PDB file of all heavy atoms in Angstrom:
ATOM      1  N   LEU A   1     -92.358  25.423  -5.495  1.00  0.00           N
ATOM      2  CA  LEU A   1     -91.800  25.346  -4.121  1.00  0.00           C
ATOM      3  C   LEU A   1     -92.479  24.242  -3.328  1.00  0.00           C
ATOM      4  O   LEU A   1     -93.663  24.077  -3.379  1.00  0.00           O
ATOM      5  CB  LEU A   1     -92.011  26.739  -3.405  1.00  0.00           C
ATOM      6  CG  LEU A   1     -91.355  26.829  -1.995  1.00  0.00           C
ATOM      7  CD1 LEU A   1     -89.804  26.834  -2.167  1.00  0.00           C
ATOM      8  CD2 LEU A   1     -91.751  28.169  -1.396  1.00  0.00           C
ATOM      9  N   SER A   2     -91.677  23.448  -2.658  1.00  0.00           N
ATOM     10  CA  SER A   2     -92.242  22.248  -1.929  1.00  0.00           C
ATOM     11  C   SER A   2     -93.016  22.682  -0.682  1.00  0.00           C
ATOM     12  O   SER A   2     -92.937  23.864  -0.313  1.00  0.00           O
ATOM     13  CB  SER A   2     -91.111  21.365  -1.477  1.00  0.00           C
ATOM     14  OG  SER A   2     -90.340  21.983  -0.472  1.00  0.00           O
ATOM     15  N   GLU A   3     -93.700  21.705  -0.121  1.00  0.00           N
ATOM     16  CA  GLU A   3     -94.431  22.035   1.103  1.00  0.00           C
ATOM     17  C   GLU A   3     -93.379  21.995   2.195  1.00  0.00           C
ATOM     18  O   GLU A   3     -92.210  21.524   2.050  1.00  0.00           O
ATOM     19  CB  GLU A   3     -95.458  20.912   1.330  1.00  0.00           C
ATOM     20  CG  GLU A   3     -96.585  20.890   0.348  1.00  0.00           C
ATOM     21  CD  GLU A   3     -97.615  19.841   0.653  1.00  0.00           C
ATOM     22  OE1 GLU A   3     -97.383  19.035   1.650  1.00  0.00           O
ATOM     23  OE2 GLU A   3     -98.635  19.820   0.009  1.00  0.00           O
ATOM     24  N   VAL A   4     -93.739  22.495   3.400  1.00  0.00           N
ATOM     25  CA  VAL A   4     -92.820  22.593   4.502  1.00  0.00           C
ATOM     26  C   VAL A   4     -92.566  21.200   5.102  1.00  0.00           C
ATOM     27  O   VAL A   4     -93.602  20.492   5.377  1.00  0.00           O
ATOM     28  CB  VAL A   4     -93.365  23.565   5.592  1.00  0.00           C
ATOM     29  CG1 VAL A   4     -92.422  23.601   6.814  1.00  0.00           C
ATOM     30  CG2 VAL A   4     -93.462  24.896   4.973  1.00  0.00           C
ATOM     31  N   ILE A   5     -91.355  20.767   5.259  1.00  0.00           N
ATOM     32  CA  ILE A   5     -90.980  19.601   5.889  1.00  0.00           C
ATOM     33  C   ILE A   5     -90.286  19.853   7.183  1.00  0.00           C
ATOM     34  O   ILE A   5     -89.379  20.612   7.269  1.00  0.00           O
ATOM     35  CB  ILE A   5     -89.980  18.798   4.955  1.00  0.00           C
ATOM     36  CG1 ILE A   5     -90.627  18.566   3.584  1.00  0.00           C
ATOM     37  CG2 ILE A   5     -89.575  17.474   5.542  1.00  0.00           C
ATOM     38  CD1 ILE A   5     -89.678  17.947   2.533  1.00  0.00           C
ATOM     39  N   THR A   6     -90.781  19.270   8.286  1.00  0.00           N
ATOM     40  CA  THR A   6     -90.233  19.521   9.570  1.00  0.00           C
ATOM     41  C   THR A   6     -89.406  18.286  10.094  1.00  0.00           C
ATOM     42  O   THR A   6     -89.673  17.157   9.691  1.00  0.00           O
ATOM     43  CB  THR A   6     -91.386  19.794  10.586  1.00  0.00           C
ATOM     44  OG1 THR A   6     -92.258  18.709  10.705  1.00  0.00           O
ATOM     45  CG2 THR A   6     -92.146  21.084  10.152  1.00  0.00           C
ATOM     46  N   HIS A   7     -88.392  18.645  10.948  1.00  0.00           N
ATOM     47  CA  HIS A   7     -87.560  17.602  11.530  1.00  0.00           C
ATOM     48  C   HIS A   7     -87.155  18.060  12.913  1.00  0.00           C
ATOM     49  O   HIS A   7     -86.622  19.161  13.071  1.00  0.00           O
ATOM     50  CB  HIS A   7     -86.351  17.353  10.685  1.00  0.00           C
ATOM     51  CG  HIS A   7     -85.414  16.212  11.093  1.00  0.00           C
ATOM     52  ND1 HIS A   7     -85.805  14.913  10.823  1.00  0.00           N
ATOM     53  CD2 HIS A   7     -84.356  16.230  11.948  1.00  0.00           C
ATOM     54  CE1 HIS A   7     -84.856  14.126  11.405  1.00  0.00           C
ATOM     55  NE2 HIS A   7     -83.979  14.903  12.067  1.00  0.00           N
ATOM     56  N   GLY A   8     -87.406  17.155  13.923  1.00  0.00           N
ATOM     57  CA  GLY A   8     -87.026  17.586  15.333  1.00  0.00           C
ATOM     58  C   GLY A   8     -87.983  18.553  15.971  1.00  0.00           C
ATOM     59  O   GLY A   8     -89.064  18.786  15.420  1.00  0.00           O
ATOM     60  N   GLU A   9     -87.637  18.989  17.097  1.00  0.00           N
ATOM     61  CA  GLU A   9     -88.471  19.924  17.802  1.00  0.00           C
ATOM     62  C   GLU A   9     -87.620  20.939  18.630  1.00  0.00           C
ATOM     63  O   GLU A   9     -86.438  20.555  19.008  1.00  0.00           O
ATOM     64  CB  GLU A   9     -89.463  19.253  18.703  1.00  0.00           C
ATOM     65  CG  GLU A   9     -88.827  18.371  19.782  1.00  0.00           C
ATOM     66  CD  GLU A   9     -89.843  17.652  20.566  1.00  0.00           C
ATOM     67  OE1 GLU A   9     -91.050  17.663  20.196  1.00  0.00           O
ATOM     68  OE2 GLU A   9     -89.495  16.991  21.618  1.00  0.00           O
ATOM     69  N   ASN A  10     -88.189  22.135  18.978  1.00  0.00           N
ATOM     70  CA  ASN A  10     -87.411  23.114  19.730  1.00  0.00           C
ATOM     71  C   ASN A  10     -87.464  22.702  21.227  1.00  0.00           C
ATOM     72  O   ASN A  10     -88.510  22.409  21.773  1.00  0.00           O
ATOM     73  CB  ASN A  10     -88.027  24.445  19.580  1.00  0.00           C
ATOM     74  CG  ASN A  10     -87.823  25.026  18.127  1.00  0.00           C
ATOM     75  OD1 ASN A  10     -86.801  24.830  17.570  1.00  0.00           O
ATOM     76  ND2 ASN A  10     -88.851  25.771  17.661  1.00  0.00           N
ATOM     77  N   ARG A  11     -86.224  22.640  21.817  1.00  0.00           N
ATOM     78  CA  ARG A  11     -86.071  22.370  23.203  1.00  0.00           C
ATOM     79  C   ARG A  11     -84.880  23.194  23.766  1.00  0.00           C
ATOM     80  O   ARG A  11     -83.854  23.162  23.167  1.00  0.00           O
ATOM     81  CB  ARG A  11     -85.831  20.844  23.496  1.00  0.00           C
ATOM     82  CG  ARG A  11     -86.976  19.973  23.093  1.00  0.00           C
ATOM     83  CD  ARG A  11     -86.670  18.474  23.432  1.00  0.00           C
ATOM     84  NE  ARG A  11     -85.574  18.024  22.616  1.00  0.00           N
ATOM     85  CZ  ARG A  11     -85.167  16.718  22.622  1.00  0.00           C
ATOM     86  NH1 ARG A  11     -85.658  15.924  23.502  1.00  0.00           N
ATOM     87  NH2 ARG A  11     -84.164  16.378  21.871  1.00  0.00           N
ATOM     88  N   SER A  12     -85.094  23.806  24.917  1.00  0.00           N
ATOM     89  CA  SER A  12     -84.058  24.537  25.521  1.00  0.00           C
ATOM     90  C   SER A  12     -83.157  23.625  26.374  1.00  0.00           C
ATOM     91  O   SER A  12     -83.586  22.553  26.766  1.00  0.00           O
ATOM     92  CB  SER A  12     -84.682  25.697  26.490  1.00  0.00           C
ATOM     93  OG  SER A  12     -85.307  25.064  27.533  1.00  0.00           O
ATOM     94  N   PRO A  13     -81.864  23.992  26.658  1.00  0.00           N
ATOM     95  CA  PRO A  13     -81.027  23.173  27.475  1.00  0.00           C
ATOM     96  C   PRO A  13     -81.557  22.924  28.817  1.00  0.00           C
ATOM     97  O   PRO A  13     -81.428  21.820  29.414  1.00  0.00           O
ATOM     98  CB  PRO A  13     -79.719  23.957  27.519  1.00  0.00           C
ATOM     99  CG  PRO A  13     -79.779  24.808  26.290  1.00  0.00           C
ATOM    100  CD  PRO A  13     -81.181  25.149  26.031  1.00  0.00           C
ATOM    101  N   ASP A  14     -82.282  23.897  29.478  1.00  0.00           N
ATOM    102  CA  ASP A  14     -82.868  23.747  30.815  1.00  0.00           C
ATOM    103  C   ASP A  14     -83.920  22.579  30.757  1.00  0.00           C
ATOM    104  O   ASP A  14     -84.032  21.812  31.691  1.00  0.00           O
ATOM    105  CB  ASP A  14     -83.496  24.979  31.296  1.00  0.00           C
ATOM    106  CG  ASP A  14     -82.424  26.102  31.496  1.00  0.00           C
ATOM    107  OD1 ASP A  14     -81.266  25.735  31.701  1.00  0.00           O
ATOM    108  OD2 ASP A  14     -82.796  27.279  31.473  1.00  0.00           O
ATOM    109  N   GLU A  15     -84.686  22.579  29.655  1.00  0.00           N
ATOM    110  CA  GLU A  15     -85.710  21.557  29.540  1.00  0.00           C
ATOM    111  C   GLU A  15     -85.016  20.171  29.466  1.00  0.00           C
ATOM    112  O   GLU A  15     -85.569  19.167  30.046  1.00  0.00           O
ATOM    113  CB  GLU A  15     -86.601  21.818  28.304  1.00  0.00           C
ATOM    114  CG  GLU A  15     -87.440  23.038  28.395  1.00  0.00           C
ATOM    115  CD  GLU A  15     -88.260  23.201  27.157  1.00  0.00           C
ATOM    116  OE1 GLU A  15     -88.001  22.504  26.185  1.00  0.00           O
ATOM    117  OE2 GLU A  15     -89.128  24.125  27.169  1.00  0.00           O
ATOM    118  N   MET A  16     -83.920  20.068  28.848  1.00  0.00           N
ATOM    119  CA  MET A  16     -83.253  18.814  28.749  1.00  0.00           C
ATOM    120  C   MET A  16     -82.745  18.343  30.146  1.00  0.00           C
ATOM    121  O   MET A  16     -82.850  17.152  30.465  1.00  0.00           O
ATOM    122  CB  MET A  16     -81.990  18.969  27.792  1.00  0.00           C
ATOM    123  CG  MET A  16     -81.179  17.724  27.595  1.00  0.00           C
ATOM    124  SD  MET A  16     -82.207  16.394  26.770  1.00  0.00           S
ATOM    125  CE  MET A  16     -82.445  17.045  25.216  1.00  0.00           C
ATOM    126  N   LEU A  17     -82.154  19.280  30.889  1.00  0.00           N
ATOM    127  CA  LEU A  17     -81.743  18.928  32.263  1.00  0.00           C
ATOM    128  C   LEU A  17     -82.938  18.462  33.124  1.00  0.00           C
ATOM    129  O   LEU A  17     -82.847  17.568  33.924  1.00  0.00           O
ATOM    130  CB  LEU A  17     -81.039  20.108  32.861  1.00  0.00           C
ATOM    131  CG  LEU A  17     -79.700  20.509  32.271  1.00  0.00           C
ATOM    132  CD1 LEU A  17     -79.158  21.786  32.931  1.00  0.00           C
ATOM    133  CD2 LEU A  17     -78.733  19.407  32.362  1.00  0.00           C
ATOM    134  N   THR A  18     -84.051  19.179  32.921  1.00  0.00           N
ATOM    135  CA  THR A  18     -85.266  18.804  33.708  1.00  0.00           C
ATOM    136  C   THR A  18     -85.680  17.391  33.339  1.00  0.00           C
ATOM    137  O   THR A  18     -86.041  16.618  34.194  1.00  0.00           O
ATOM    138  CB  THR A  18     -86.370  19.777  33.444  1.00  0.00           C
ATOM    139  OG1 THR A  18     -85.859  21.111  33.810  1.00  0.00           O
ATOM    140  CG2 THR A  18     -87.608  19.425  34.254  1.00  0.00           C
ATOM    141  N   VAL A  19     -85.688  17.061  32.077  1.00  0.00           N
ATOM    142  CA  VAL A  19     -86.040  15.795  31.574  1.00  0.00           C
ATOM    143  C   VAL A  19     -85.086  14.728  32.210  1.00  0.00           C
ATOM    144  O   VAL A  19     -85.538  13.660  32.665  1.00  0.00           O
ATOM    145  CB  VAL A  19     -86.105  15.671  30.054  1.00  0.00           C
ATOM    146  CG1 VAL A  19     -86.246  14.292  29.586  1.00  0.00           C
ATOM    147  CG2 VAL A  19     -87.111  16.565  29.500  1.00  0.00           C
ATOM    148  N   ILE A  20     -83.808  15.017  32.201  1.00  0.00           N
ATOM    149  CA  ILE A  20     -82.855  14.073  32.690  1.00  0.00           C
ATOM    150  C   ILE A  20     -83.077  13.861  34.228  1.00  0.00           C
ATOM    151  O   ILE A  20     -83.038  12.732  34.724  1.00  0.00           O
ATOM    152  CB  ILE A  20     -81.374  14.531  32.462  1.00  0.00           C
ATOM    153  CG1 ILE A  20     -81.155  14.565  30.929  1.00  0.00           C
ATOM    154  CG2 ILE A  20     -80.419  13.701  33.267  1.00  0.00           C
ATOM    155  CD1 ILE A  20     -79.782  15.081  30.549  1.00  0.00           C
ATOM    156  N   ALA A  21     -83.345  15.026  34.974  1.00  0.00           N
ATOM    157  CA  ALA A  21     -83.490  14.980  36.416  1.00  0.00           C
ATOM    158  C   ALA A  21     -84.781  14.141  36.789  1.00  0.00           C
ATOM    159  O   ALA A  21     -84.859  13.522  37.888  1.00  0.00           O
ATOM    160  CB  ALA A  21     -83.580  16.328  36.993  1.00  0.00           C
ATOM    161  N   ILE A  22     -85.729  14.089  35.865  1.00  0.00           N
ATOM    162  CA  ILE A  22     -87.019  13.365  36.186  1.00  0.00           C
ATOM    163  C   ILE A  22     -86.818  11.858  35.693  1.00  0.00           C
ATOM    164  O   ILE A  22     -87.258  10.923  36.488  1.00  0.00           O
ATOM    165  CB  ILE A  22     -88.185  13.987  35.489  1.00  0.00           C
ATOM    166  CG1 ILE A  22     -88.461  15.340  36.126  1.00  0.00           C
ATOM    167  CG2 ILE A  22     -89.415  13.129  35.600  1.00  0.00           C
ATOM    168  CD1 ILE A  22     -89.484  16.111  35.368  1.00  0.00           C
ATOM    169  N   VAL A  23     -86.261  11.654  34.580  1.00  0.00           N
ATOM    170  CA  VAL A  23     -86.321  10.420  33.964  1.00  0.00           C
ATOM    171  C   VAL A  23     -85.239   9.422  34.648  1.00  0.00           C
ATOM    172  O   VAL A  23     -85.539   8.282  34.918  1.00  0.00           O
ATOM    173  CB  VAL A  23     -85.966  10.457  32.439  1.00  0.00           C
ATOM    174  CG1 VAL A  23     -85.785   9.076  31.854  1.00  0.00           C
ATOM    175  CG2 VAL A  23     -87.097  11.167  31.749  1.00  0.00           C
ATOM    176  N   VAL A  24     -84.056   9.957  34.959  1.00  0.00           N
ATOM    177  CA  VAL A  24     -83.012   9.138  35.507  1.00  0.00           C
ATOM    178  C   VAL A  24     -83.443   8.556  36.918  1.00  0.00           C
ATOM    179  O   VAL A  24     -83.286   7.298  37.111  1.00  0.00           O
ATOM    180  CB  VAL A  24     -81.662   9.938  35.664  1.00  0.00           C
ATOM    181  CG1 VAL A  24     -80.675   9.172  36.449  1.00  0.00           C
ATOM    182  CG2 VAL A  24     -81.155  10.263  34.298  1.00  0.00           C
TER     183      VAL A  24
END
């Protein structure tokens, strides 16, 4: 069995809106 390979990260939709509200 291979080792664990990760891709991406967990993010909630609210966090995405917060990021947009700050970055834009």
